[in-house]
PDB file of N, CA and C in Angstrom:
ATOM      1  N   MET A   1     174.243 151.908 265.152  1.00  0.00           N
ATOM      2  CA  MET A   1     175.280 152.310 264.225  1.00  0.00           C
ATOM      3  C   MET A   1     176.662 152.000 264.775  1.00  0.00           C
ATOM      4  N   GLY A   2     176.731 151.552 265.993  1.00  0.00           N
ATOM      5  CA  GLY A   2     178.004 151.210 266.589  1.00  0.00           C
ATOM      6  C   GLY A   2     178.442 152.250 267.612  1.00  0.00           C
ATOM      7  N   ASP A   3     179.128 151.763 268.630  1.00  0.00           N
ATOM      8  CA  ASP A   3     179.543 152.630 269.725  1.00  0.00           C
ATOM      9  C   ASP A   3     180.520 153.716 269.283  1.00  0.00           C
ATOM     10  N   GLU A   4     181.436 153.384 268.374  1.00  0.00           N
ATOM     11  CA  GLU A   4     182.425 154.378 267.939  1.00  0.00           C
ATOM     12  C   GLU A   4     181.748 155.546 267.228  1.00  0.00           C
ATOM     13  N   VAL A   5     180.785 155.247 266.381  1.00  0.00           N
ATOM     14  CA  VAL A   5     180.062 156.296 265.663  1.00  0.00           C
ATOM     15  C   VAL A   5     179.274 157.140 266.657  1.00  0.00           C
ATOM     16  N   ALA A   6     178.645 156.492 267.624  1.00  0.00           N
ATOM     17  CA  ALA A   6     177.865 157.216 268.625  1.00  0.00           C
ATOM     18  C   ALA A   6     178.749 158.167 269.433  1.00  0.00           C
ATOM     19  N   VAL A   7     179.934 157.738 269.802  1.00  0.00           N
ATOM     20  CA  VAL A   7     180.851 158.582 270.574  1.00  0.00           C
ATOM     21  C   VAL A   7     181.262 159.811 269.759  1.00  0.00           C
ATOM     22  N   VAL A   8     181.618 159.611 268.499  1.00  0.00           N
ATOM     23  CA  VAL A   8     182.010 160.733 267.641  1.00  0.00           C
ATOM     24  C   VAL A   8     180.842 161.705 267.492  1.00  0.00           C
ATOM     25  N   PHE A   9     179.651 161.174 267.264  1.00  0.00           N
ATOM     26  CA  PHE A   9     178.472 162.014 267.082  1.00  0.00           C
ATOM     27  C   PHE A   9     178.161 162.808 268.342  1.00  0.00           C
ATOM     28  N   VAL A  10     178.147 162.155 269.488  1.00  0.00           N
ATOM     29  CA  VAL A  10     177.849 162.838 270.755  1.00  0.00           C
ATOM     30  C   VAL A  10     178.893 163.911 271.041  1.00  0.00           C
ATOM     31  N   ASP A  11     180.162 163.604 270.801  1.00  0.00           N
ATOM     32  CA  ASP A  11     181.217 164.606 270.993  1.00  0.00           C
ATOM     33  C   ASP A  11     180.985 165.825 270.102  1.00  0.00           C
ATOM     34  N   TRP A  12     180.584 165.600 268.852  1.00  0.00           N
ATOM     35  CA  TRP A  12     180.324 166.697 267.922  1.00  0.00           C
ATOM     36  C   TRP A  12     179.165 167.567 268.416  1.00  0.00           C
ATOM     37  N   VAL A  13     178.080 166.928 268.831  1.00  0.00           N
ATOM     38  CA  VAL A  13     176.915 167.670 269.323  1.00  0.00           C
ATOM     39  C   VAL A  13     177.293 168.466 270.574  1.00  0.00           C
ATOM     40  N   GLU A  14     178.032 167.847 271.487  1.00  0.00           N
ATOM     41  CA  GLU A  14     178.458 168.561 272.701  1.00  0.00           C
ATOM     42  C   GLU A  14     179.346 169.755 272.354  1.00  0.00           C
ATOM     43  N   TYR A  15     180.220 169.592 271.365  1.00  0.00           N
ATOM     44  CA  TYR A  15     181.069 170.697 270.923  1.00  0.00           C
ATOM     45  C   TYR A  15     180.216 171.854 270.415  1.00  0.00           C
ATOM     46  N   LEU A  16     179.240 171.534 269.557  1.00  0.00           N
ATOM     47  CA  LEU A  16     178.378 172.586 269.021  1.00  0.00           C
ATOM     48  C   LEU A  16     177.592 173.284 270.128  1.00  0.00           C
ATOM     49  N   LEU A  17     177.062 172.524 271.061  1.00  0.00           N
ATOM     50  CA  LEU A  17     176.247 173.100 272.126  1.00  0.00           C
ATOM     51  C   LEU A  17     177.070 173.889 273.138  1.00  0.00           C
ATOM     52  N   LYS A  18     178.182 173.312 273.585  1.00  0.00           N
ATOM     53  CA  LYS A  18     178.949 173.918 274.680  1.00  0.00           C
ATOM     54  C   LYS A  18     180.001 174.923 274.211  1.00  0.00           C
ATOM     55  N   GLU A  19     180.704 174.599 273.148  1.00  0.00           N
ATOM     56  CA  GLU A  19     181.790 175.473 272.683  1.00  0.00           C
ATOM     57  C   GLU A  19     181.286 176.557 271.733  1.00  0.00           C
ATOM     58  N   LYS A  20     180.405 176.178 270.817  1.00  0.00           N
ATOM     59  CA  LYS A  20     179.917 177.120 269.807  1.00  0.00           C
ATOM     60  C   LYS A  20     178.600 177.777 270.224  1.00  0.00           C
ATOM     61  N   LEU A  21     178.007 177.296 271.324  1.00  0.00           N
ATOM     62  CA  LEU A  21     176.738 177.809 271.837  1.00  0.00           C
ATOM     63  C   LEU A  21     175.612 177.717 270.810  1.00  0.00           C
ATOM     64  N   TRP A  22     175.610 176.594 270.074  1.00  0.00           N
ATOM     65  CA  TRP A  22     174.562 176.310 269.084  1.00  0.00           C
ATOM     66  C   TRP A  22     173.252 176.048 269.816  1.00  0.00           C
ATOM     67  N   GLY A  23     172.140 176.275 269.134  1.00  0.00           N
ATOM     68  CA  GLY A  23     170.822 175.984 269.682  1.00  0.00           C
ATOM     69  C   GLY A  23     170.081 175.000 268.795  1.00  0.00           C
ATOM     70  N   GLY A  24     168.847 174.727 269.144  1.00  0.00           N
ATOM     71  CA  GLY A  24     168.049 173.745 268.431  1.00  0.00           C
ATOM     72  C   GLY A  24     167.743 174.092 266.990  1.00  0.00           C
ATOM     73  N   GLU A  25     167.798 175.361 266.626  1.00  0.00           N
ATOM     74  CA  GLU A  25     167.509 175.770 265.253  1.00  0.00           C
ATOM     75  C   GLU A  25     168.757 175.813 264.369  1.00  0.00           C
ATOM     76  N   ASP A  26     169.925 175.683 264.968  1.00  0.00           N
ATOM     77  CA  ASP A  26     171.170 175.723 264.201  1.00  0.00           C
ATOM     78  C   ASP A  26     171.420 174.371 263.544  1.00  0.00           C
ATOM     79  N   PRO A  27     172.100 174.360 262.395  1.00  0.00           N
ATOM     80  CA  PRO A  27     172.332 173.096 261.685  1.00  0.00           C
ATOM     81  C   PRO A  27     173.291 172.178 262.439  1.00  0.00           C
ATOM     82  N   LEU A  28     173.028 170.896 262.328  1.00  0.00           N
ATOM     83  CA  LEU A  28     173.897 169.897 262.945  1.00  0.00           C
ATOM     84  C   LEU A  28     175.224 169.798 262.201  1.00  0.00           C
ATOM     85  N   PHE A  29     175.182 169.976 260.898  1.00  0.00           N
ATOM     86  CA  PHE A  29     176.389 169.973 260.074  1.00  0.00           C
ATOM     87  C   PHE A  29     176.438 171.291 259.309  1.00  0.00           C
ATOM     88  N   PRO A  30     176.963 172.333 259.955  1.00  0.00           N
ATOM     89  CA  PRO A  30     176.918 173.672 259.380  1.00  0.00           C
ATOM     90  C   PRO A  30     177.909 173.888 258.246  1.00  0.00           C
ATOM     91  N   ALA A  31     177.629 174.924 257.484  1.00  0.00           N
ATOM     92  CA  ALA A  31     178.533 175.328 256.403  1.00  0.00           C
ATOM     93  C   ALA A  31     179.831 175.877 256.995  1.00  0.00           C
ATOM     94  N   THR A  32     180.847 175.915 256.185  1.00  0.00           N
ATOM     95  CA  THR A  32     182.132 176.473 256.579  1.00  0.00           C
ATOM     96  C   THR A  32     182.061 177.992 256.485  1.00  0.00           C
ATOM     97  N   ALA A  33     182.546 178.677 257.517  1.00  0.00           N
ATOM     98  CA  ALA A  33     182.603 180.140 257.488  1.00  0.00           C
ATOM     99  C   ALA A  33     183.859 180.564 256.732  1.00  0.00           C
ATOM    100  N   ILE A  34     183.676 181.463 255.782  1.00  0.00           N
ATOM    101  CA  ILE A  34     184.774 181.949 254.946  1.00  0.00           C
ATOM    102  C   ILE A  34     184.895 183.464 255.142  1.00  0.00           C
ATOM    103  N   ALA A  35     186.125 183.960 255.213  1.00  0.00           N
ATOM    104  CA  ALA A  35     186.366 185.404 255.323  1.00  0.00           C
ATOM    105  C   ALA A  35     187.648 185.747 254.572  1.00  0.00           C
ATOM    106  N   VAL A  36     187.838 187.029 254.326  1.00  0.00           N
ATOM    107  CA  VAL A  36     189.069 187.488 253.694  1.00  0.00           C
ATOM    108  C   VAL A  36     190.157 187.513 254.768  1.00  0.00           C
ATOM    109  N   GLY A  37     191.257 186.822 254.493  1.00  0.00           N
ATOM    110  CA  GLY A  37     192.354 186.735 255.446  1.00  0.00           C
ATOM    111  C   GLY A  37     193.352 187.870 255.307  1.00  0.00           C
ATOM    112  N   GLU A  38     194.414 187.786 256.084  1.00  0.00           N
ATOM    113  CA  GLU A  38     195.446 188.817 256.088  1.00  0.00           C
ATOM    114  C   GLU A  38     196.097 189.004 254.724  1.00  0.00           C
ATOM    115  N   ASN A  39     196.207 187.940 253.955  1.00  0.00           N
ATOM    116  CA  ASN A  39     196.837 188.034 252.632  1.00  0.00           C
ATOM    117  C   ASN A  39     195.832 188.386 251.528  1.00  0.00           C
ATOM    118  N   GLN A  40     194.646 188.875 251.949  1.00  0.00           N
ATOM    119  CA  GLN A  40     193.590 189.305 251.033  1.00  0.00           C
ATOM    120  C   GLN A  40     193.022 188.162 250.181  1.00  0.00           C
ATOM    121  N   ARG A  41     193.063 186.963 250.722  1.00  0.00           N
ATOM    122  CA  ARG A  41     192.462 185.795 250.069  1.00  0.00           C
ATOM    123  C   ARG A  41     191.403 185.219 250.987  1.00  0.00           C
ATOM    124  N   PHE A  42     190.422 184.571 250.364  1.00  0.00           N
ATOM    125  CA  PHE A  42     189.411 183.906 251.172  1.00  0.00           C
ATOM    126  C   PHE A  42     190.033 182.725 251.898  1.00  0.00           C
ATOM    127  N   GLU A  43     189.628 182.532 253.152  1.00  0.00           N
ATOM    128  CA  GLU A  43     190.115 181.391 253.917  1.00  0.00           C
ATOM    129  C   GLU A  43     189.049 180.934 254.898  1.00  0.00           C
ATOM    130  N   VAL A  44     189.184 179.710 255.339  1.00  0.00           N
ATOM    131  CA  VAL A  44     188.259 179.133 256.313  1.00  0.00           C
ATOM    132  C   VAL A  44     188.541 179.763 257.673  1.00  0.00           C
ATOM    133  N   VAL A  45     187.467 180.224 258.334  1.00  0.00           N
ATOM    134  CA  VAL A  45     187.624 180.837 259.655  1.00  0.00           C
ATOM    135  C   VAL A  45     186.779 180.141 260.725  1.00  0.00           C
ATOM    136  N   GLY A  46     186.162 179.036 260.380  1.00  0.00           N
ATOM    137  CA  GLY A  46     185.366 178.311 261.366  1.00  0.00           C
ATOM    138  C   GLY A  46     184.079 177.779 260.775  1.00  0.00           C
ATOM    139  N   LEU A  47     183.056 177.773 261.609  1.00  0.00           N
ATOM    140  CA  LEU A  47     181.747 177.267 261.215  1.00  0.00           C
ATOM    141  C   LEU A  47     180.769 178.422 261.086  1.00  0.00           C
ATOM    142  N   ASP A  48     179.850 178.285 260.153  1.00  0.00           N
ATOM    143  CA  ASP A  48     178.813 179.280 259.938  1.00  0.00           C
ATOM    144  C   ASP A  48     177.503 178.719 260.468  1.00  0.00           C
ATOM    145  N   ARG A  49     176.630 179.566 260.922  1.00  0.00           N
ATOM    146  CA  ARG A  49     175.334 179.088 261.406  1.00  0.00           C
ATOM    147  C   ARG A  49     174.361 178.797 260.271  1.00  0.00           C
ATOM    148  N   LYS A  50     174.825 178.895 259.048  1.00  0.00           N
ATOM    149  CA  LYS A  50     173.987 178.594 257.883  1.00  0.00           C
ATOM    150  C   LYS A  50     174.151 177.132 257.477  1.00  0.00           C
ATOM    151  N   ARG A  51     173.148 176.646 256.782  1.00  0.00           N
ATOM    152  CA  ARG A  51     173.232 175.309 256.199  1.00  0.00           C
ATOM    153  C   ARG A  51     173.980 175.406 254.878  1.00  0.00           C
ATOM    154  N   TRP A  52     174.495 174.270 254.405  1.00  0.00           N
ATOM    155  CA  TRP A  52     175.132 174.234 253.097  1.00  0.00           C
ATOM    156  C   TRP A  52     174.112 174.607 252.040  1.00  0.00           C
ATOM    157  N   SER A  53     174.517 175.360 251.020  1.00  0.00           N
ATOM    158  CA  SER A  53     173.581 175.734 249.959  1.00  0.00           C
ATOM    159  C   SER A  53     173.407 174.611 248.945  1.00  0.00           C
ATOM    160  N   ASN A  54     174.385 173.687 248.876  1.00  0.00           N
ATOM    161  CA  ASN A  54     174.261 172.504 248.027  1.00  0.00           C
ATOM    162  C   ASN A  54     175.154 171.410 248.604  1.00  0.00           C
ATOM    163  N   ALA A  55     175.117 170.251 247.999  1.00  0.00           N
ATOM    164  CA  ALA A  55     175.806 169.088 248.568  1.00  0.00           C
ATOM    165  C   ALA A  55     177.266 168.953 248.133  1.00  0.00           C
ATOM    166  N   THR A  56     177.746 169.809 247.257  1.00  0.00           N
ATOM    167  CA  THR A  56     179.114 169.661 246.745  1.00  0.00           C
ATOM    168  C   THR A  56     180.164 169.653 247.855  1.00  0.00           C
ATOM    169  N   PRO A  57     180.138 170.594 248.811  1.00  0.00           N
ATOM    170  CA  PRO A  57     181.161 170.549 249.868  1.00  0.00           C
ATOM    171  C   PRO A  57     181.080 169.278 250.716  1.00  0.00           C
ATOM    172  N   ILE A  58     179.859 168.807 250.946  1.00  0.00           N
ATOM    173  CA  ILE A  58     179.694 167.596 251.749  1.00  0.00           C
ATOM    174  C   ILE A  58     180.261 166.387 251.002  1.00  0.00           C
ATOM    175  N   ARG A  59     180.015 166.320 249.695  1.00  0.00           N
ATOM    176  CA  ARG A  59     180.587 165.231 248.894  1.00  0.00           C
ATOM    177  C   ARG A  59     182.110 165.263 248.948  1.00  0.00           C
ATOM    178  N   THR A  60     182.682 166.460 248.885  1.00  0.00           N
ATOM    179  CA  THR A  60     184.138 166.601 248.955  1.00  0.00           C
ATOM    180  C   THR A  60     184.661 166.098 250.299  1.00  0.00           C
ATOM    181  N   ILE A  61     183.996 166.471 251.368  1.00  0.00           N
ATOM    182  CA  ILE A  61     184.386 166.021 252.710  1.00  0.00           C
ATOM    183  C   ILE A  61     184.297 164.499 252.790  1.00  0.00           C
ATOM    184  N   PHE A  62     183.204 163.938 252.291  1.00  0.00           N
ATOM    185  CA  PHE A  62     183.045 162.480 252.301  1.00  0.00           C
ATOM    186  C   PHE A  62     184.178 161.817 251.514  1.00  0.00           C
ATOM    187  N   ARG A  63     184.444 162.332 250.308  1.00  0.00           N
ATOM    188  CA  ARG A  63     185.469 161.730 249.452  1.00  0.00           C
ATOM    189  C   ARG A  63     186.826 161.738 250.166  1.00  0.00           C
ATOM    190  N   GLN A  64     187.192 162.863 250.758  1.00  0.00           N
ATOM    191  CA  GLN A  64     188.478 162.977 251.452  1.00  0.00           C
ATOM    192  C   GLN A  64     188.535 162.053 252.667  1.00  0.00           C
ATOM    193  N   ALA A  65     187.435 161.962 253.401  1.00  0.00           N
ATOM    194  CA  ALA A  65     187.406 161.101 254.583  1.00  0.00           C
ATOM    195  C   ALA A  65     187.530 159.626 254.204  1.00  0.00           C
ATOM    196  N   PHE A  66     186.801 159.212 253.171  1.00  0.00           N
ATOM    197  CA  PHE A  66     186.881 157.821 252.732  1.00  0.00           C
ATOM    198  C   PHE A  66     188.283 157.499 252.216  1.00  0.00           C
ATOM    199  N   GLU A  67     188.840 158.400 251.401  1.00  0.00           N
ATOM    200  CA  GLU A  67     190.197 158.170 250.880  1.00  0.00           C
ATOM    201  C   GLU A  67     191.213 158.123 252.017  1.00  0.00           C
ATOM    202  N   GLY A  68     191.074 159.031 252.986  1.00  0.00           N
ATOM    203  CA  GLY A  68     191.982 159.064 254.128  1.00  0.00           C
ATOM    204  C   GLY A  68     191.933 157.791 254.967  1.00  0.00           C
ATOM    205  N   ALA A  69     190.769 157.147 254.971  1.00  0.00           N
ATOM    206  CA  ALA A  69     190.608 155.898 255.716  1.00  0.00           C
ATOM    207  C   ALA A  69     190.926 154.675 254.859  1.00  0.00           C
ATOM    208  N   GLY A  70     191.319 154.916 253.589  1.00  0.00           N
ATOM    209  CA  GLY A  70     191.637 153.805 252.703  1.00  0.00           C
ATOM    210  C   GLY A  70     190.421 153.024 252.246  1.00  0.00           C
ATOM    211  N   LEU A  71     189.271 153.692 252.172  1.00  0.00           N
ATOM    212  CA  LEU A  71     188.025 153.033 251.783  1.00  0.00           C
ATOM    213  C   LEU A  71     187.550 153.543 250.432  1.00  0.00           C
ATOM    214  N   SER A  72     186.729 152.754 249.784  1.00  0.00           N
ATOM    215  CA  SER A  72     186.085 153.198 248.550  1.00  0.00           C
ATOM    216  C   SER A  72     185.072 154.280 248.889  1.00  0.00           C
ATOM    217  N   TYR A  73     184.902 155.226 247.986  1.00  0.00           N
ATOM    218  CA  TYR A  73     183.994 156.354 248.207  1.00  0.00           C
ATOM    219  C   TYR A  73     182.534 155.934 248.124  1.00  0.00           C
ATOM    220  N   PHE A  74     181.747 156.410 249.069  1.00  0.00           N
ATOM    221  CA  PHE A  74     180.292 156.302 249.042  1.00  0.00           C
ATOM    222  C   PHE A  74     179.751 157.699 249.253  1.00  0.00           C
ATOM    223  N   ASN A  75     178.783 158.109 248.446  1.00  0.00           N
ATOM    224  CA  ASN A  75     178.271 159.473 248.555  1.00  0.00           C
ATOM    225  C   ASN A  75     177.378 159.629 249.784  1.00  0.00           C
ATOM    226  N   PRO A  76     177.126 160.864 250.208  1.00  0.00           N
ATOM    227  CA  PRO A  76     176.305 161.093 251.401  1.00  0.00           C
ATOM    228  C   PRO A  76     174.917 160.482 251.310  1.00  0.00           C
ATOM    229  N   HIS A  77     174.335 160.452 250.110  1.00  0.00           N
ATOM    230  CA  HIS A  77     172.997 159.886 249.987  1.00  0.00           C
ATOM    231  C   HIS A  77     172.992 158.391 250.319  1.00  0.00           C
ATOM    232  N   SER A  78     174.076 157.685 250.011  1.00  0.00           N
ATOM    233  CA  SER A  78     174.123 156.259 250.352  1.00  0.00           C
ATOM    234  C   SER A  78     174.132 156.073 251.867  1.00  0.00           C
ATOM    235  N   LEU A  79     174.728 157.008 252.604  1.00  0.00           N
ATOM    236  CA  LEU A  79     174.691 156.948 254.066  1.00  0.00           C
ATOM    237  C   LEU A  79     173.259 157.174 254.553  1.00  0.00           C
ATOM    238  N   ARG A  80     172.567 158.131 253.952  1.00  0.00           N
ATOM    239  CA  ARG A  80     171.173 158.375 254.330  1.00  0.00           C
ATOM    240  C   ARG A  80     170.320 157.129 254.087  1.00  0.00           C
ATOM    241  N   LYS A  81     170.533 156.465 252.948  1.00  0.00           N
ATOM    242  CA  LYS A  81     169.781 155.237 252.642  1.00  0.00           C
ATOM    243  C   LYS A  81     170.086 154.153 253.680  1.00  0.00           C
ATOM    244  N   THR A  82     171.360 154.031 254.039  1.00  0.00           N
ATOM    245  CA  THR A  82     171.760 153.026 255.027  1.00  0.00           C
ATOM    246  C   THR A  82     171.101 153.304 256.370  1.00  0.00           C
ATOM    247  N   LEU A  83     171.084 154.577 256.781  1.00  0.00           N
ATOM    248  CA  LEU A  83     170.440 154.928 258.045  1.00  0.00           C
ATOM    249  C   LEU A  83     168.937 154.676 257.999  1.00  0.00           C
ATOM    250  N   ALA A  84     168.309 154.917 256.849  1.00  0.00           N
ATOM    251  CA  ALA A  84     166.882 154.632 256.706  1.00  0.00           C
ATOM    252  C   ALA A  84     166.620 153.133 256.851  1.00  0.00           C
ATOM    253  N   GLN A  85     167.465 152.321 256.229  1.00  0.00           N
ATOM    254  CA  GLN A  85     167.310 150.867 256.339  1.00  0.00           C
ATOM    255  C   GLN A  85     167.529 150.399 257.775  1.00  0.00           C
ATOM    256  N   LEU A  86     168.503 150.985 258.454  1.00  0.00           N
ATOM    257  CA  LEU A  86     168.740 150.630 259.856  1.00  0.00           C
ATOM    258  C   LEU A  86     167.517 150.982 260.698  1.00  0.00           C
ATOM    259  N   GLY A  87     166.923 152.149 260.431  1.00  0.00           N
ATOM    260  CA  GLY A  87     165.713 152.539 261.149  1.00  0.00           C
ATOM    261  C   GLY A  87     164.562 151.581 260.905  1.00  0.00           C
ATOM    262  N   GLU A  88     164.426 151.111 259.667  1.00  0.00           N
ATOM    263  CA  GLU A  88     163.364 150.149 259.347  1.00  0.00           C
ATOM    264  C   GLU A  88     163.539 148.857 260.134  1.00  0.00           C
ATOM    265  N   GLN A  89     164.780 148.460 260.355  1.00  0.00           N
ATOM    266  CA  GLN A  89     165.059 147.225 261.089  1.00  0.00           C
ATOM    267  C   GLN A  89     164.976 147.421 262.601  1.00  0.00           C
ATOM    268  N   THR A  90     165.305 148.630 263.071  1.00  0.00           N
ATOM    269  CA  THR A  90     165.422 148.892 264.504  1.00  0.00           C
ATOM    270  C   THR A  90     164.126 149.364 265.139  1.00  0.00           C
ATOM    271  N   CYS A  91     163.404 150.243 264.464  1.00  0.00           N
ATOM    272  CA  CYS A  91     162.203 150.857 265.039  1.00  0.00           C
ATOM    273  C   CYS A  91     161.069 149.843 265.115  1.00  0.00           C
ATOM    274  N   LYS A  92     160.381 149.868 266.254  1.00  0.00           N
ATOM    275  CA  LYS A  92     159.341 148.887 266.485  1.00  0.00           C
ATOM    276  C   LYS A  92     157.940 149.399 266.134  1.00  0.00           C
ATOM    277  N   THR A  93     157.783 150.722 266.051  1.00  0.00           N
ATOM    278  CA  THR A  93     156.459 151.295 265.756  1.00  0.00           C
ATOM    279  C   THR A  93     156.614 152.375 264.685  1.00  0.00           C
ATOM    280  N   PRO A  94     155.507 152.720 264.030  1.00  0.00           N
ATOM    281  CA  PRO A  94     155.575 153.826 263.062  1.00  0.00           C
ATOM    282  C   PRO A  94     156.020 155.143 263.713  1.00  0.00           C
ATOM    283  N   GLU A  95     155.629 155.337 264.981  1.00  0.00           N
ATOM    284  CA  GLU A  95     156.026 156.555 265.683  1.00  0.00           C
ATOM    285  C   GLU A  95     157.540 156.603 265.903  1.00  0.00           C
ATOM    286  N   GLU A  96     158.142 155.472 266.255  1.00  0.00           N
ATOM    287  CA  GLU A  96     159.598 155.415 266.412  1.00  0.00           C
ATOM    288  C   GLU A  96     160.293 155.709 265.093  1.00  0.00           C
ATOM    289  N   PHE A  97     159.757 155.156 264.001  1.00  0.00           N
ATOM    290  CA  PHE A  97     160.385 155.390 262.699  1.00  0.00           C
ATOM    291  C   PHE A  97     160.247 156.850 262.280  1.00  0.00           C
ATOM    292  N   LYS A  98     159.099 157.460 262.588  1.00  0.00           N
ATOM    293  CA  LYS A  98     158.927 158.883 262.276  1.00  0.00           C
ATOM    294  C   LYS A  98     159.942 159.713 263.051  1.00  0.00           C
ATOM    295  N   ALA A  99     160.134 159.419 264.327  1.00  0.00           N
ATOM    296  CA  ALA A  99     161.128 160.138 265.134  1.00  0.00           C
ATOM    297  C   ALA A  99     162.529 159.904 264.562  1.00  0.00           C
ATOM    298  N   TRP A 100     162.817 158.665 264.169  1.00  0.00           N
ATOM    299  CA  TRP A 100     164.112 158.331 263.552  1.00  0.00           C
ATOM    300  C   TRP A 100     164.330 159.181 262.296  1.00  0.00           C
ATOM    301  N   SER A 101     163.315 159.243 261.457  1.00  0.00           N
ATOM    302  CA  SER A 101     163.400 160.015 260.224  1.00  0.00           C
ATOM    303  C   SER A 101     163.585 161.501 260.505  1.00  0.00           C
ATOM    304  N   GLN A 102     162.815 162.032 261.445  1.00  0.00           N
ATOM    305  CA  GLN A 102     162.919 163.450 261.767  1.00  0.00           C
ATOM    306  C   GLN A 102     164.292 163.799 262.332  1.00  0.00           C
ATOM    307  N   ASN A 103     164.869 162.914 263.118  1.00  0.00           N
ATOM    308  CA  ASN A 103     166.190 163.167 263.687  1.00  0.00           C
ATOM    309  C   ASN A 103     167.293 163.062 262.654  1.00  0.00           C
ATOM    310  N   ARG A 104     167.004 162.447 261.508  1.00  0.00           N
ATOM    311  CA  ARG A 104     167.968 162.422 260.404  1.00  0.00           C
ATOM    312  C   ARG A 104     167.706 163.574 259.447  1.00  0.00           C
ATOM    313  N   GLY A 105     166.632 164.327 259.686  1.00  0.00           N
ATOM    314  CA  GLY A 105     166.300 165.443 258.803  1.00  0.00           C
ATOM    315  C   GLY A 105     165.705 164.982 257.500  1.00  0.00           C
ATOM    316  N   MET A 106     165.023 163.858 257.536  1.00  0.00           N
ATOM    317  CA  MET A 106     164.464 163.290 256.302  1.00  0.00           C
ATOM    318  C   MET A 106     162.990 162.990 256.496  1.00  0.00           C
ATOM    319  N   LYS A 107     162.274 162.948 255.396  1.00  0.00           N
ATOM    320  CA  LYS A 107     160.896 162.464 255.391  1.00  0.00           C
ATOM    321  C   LYS A 107     160.945 160.960 255.208  1.00  0.00           C
ATOM    322  N   GLU A 108     159.929 160.282 255.756  1.00  0.00           N
ATOM    323  CA  GLU A 108     159.874 158.843 255.504  1.00  0.00           C
ATOM    324  C   GLU A 108     159.545 158.629 254.042  1.00  0.00           C
ATOM    325  N   SER A 109     160.096 157.559 253.475  1.00  0.00           N
ATOM    326  CA  SER A 109     159.788 157.275 252.074  1.00  0.00           C
ATOM    327  C   SER A 109     158.803 156.149 251.967  1.00  0.00           C
TER     328      SER A 109
END
């Protein structure tokens, strides 16, 4: 996927493990933690150990990131498809592809 992507990903995982004390059962991309703030309004207070209940927040994050980078929007599912195709080209055995799929949190198709 490229060295730059790998560096960002590894940094994120290290942050979750070392700073947030995440474990193997915690989500890799957790939901946003929301609480009532000083002004009696809901506000973001960090990360929650829960998974997203639906894909809407993730789509919003993707849209903002793509726009911020000056790129056309691609939804999260298109990234999953791209990673699946990369795995098909990269993995040499069915076992490698199964591990690739499991590490993406997906079933093989």
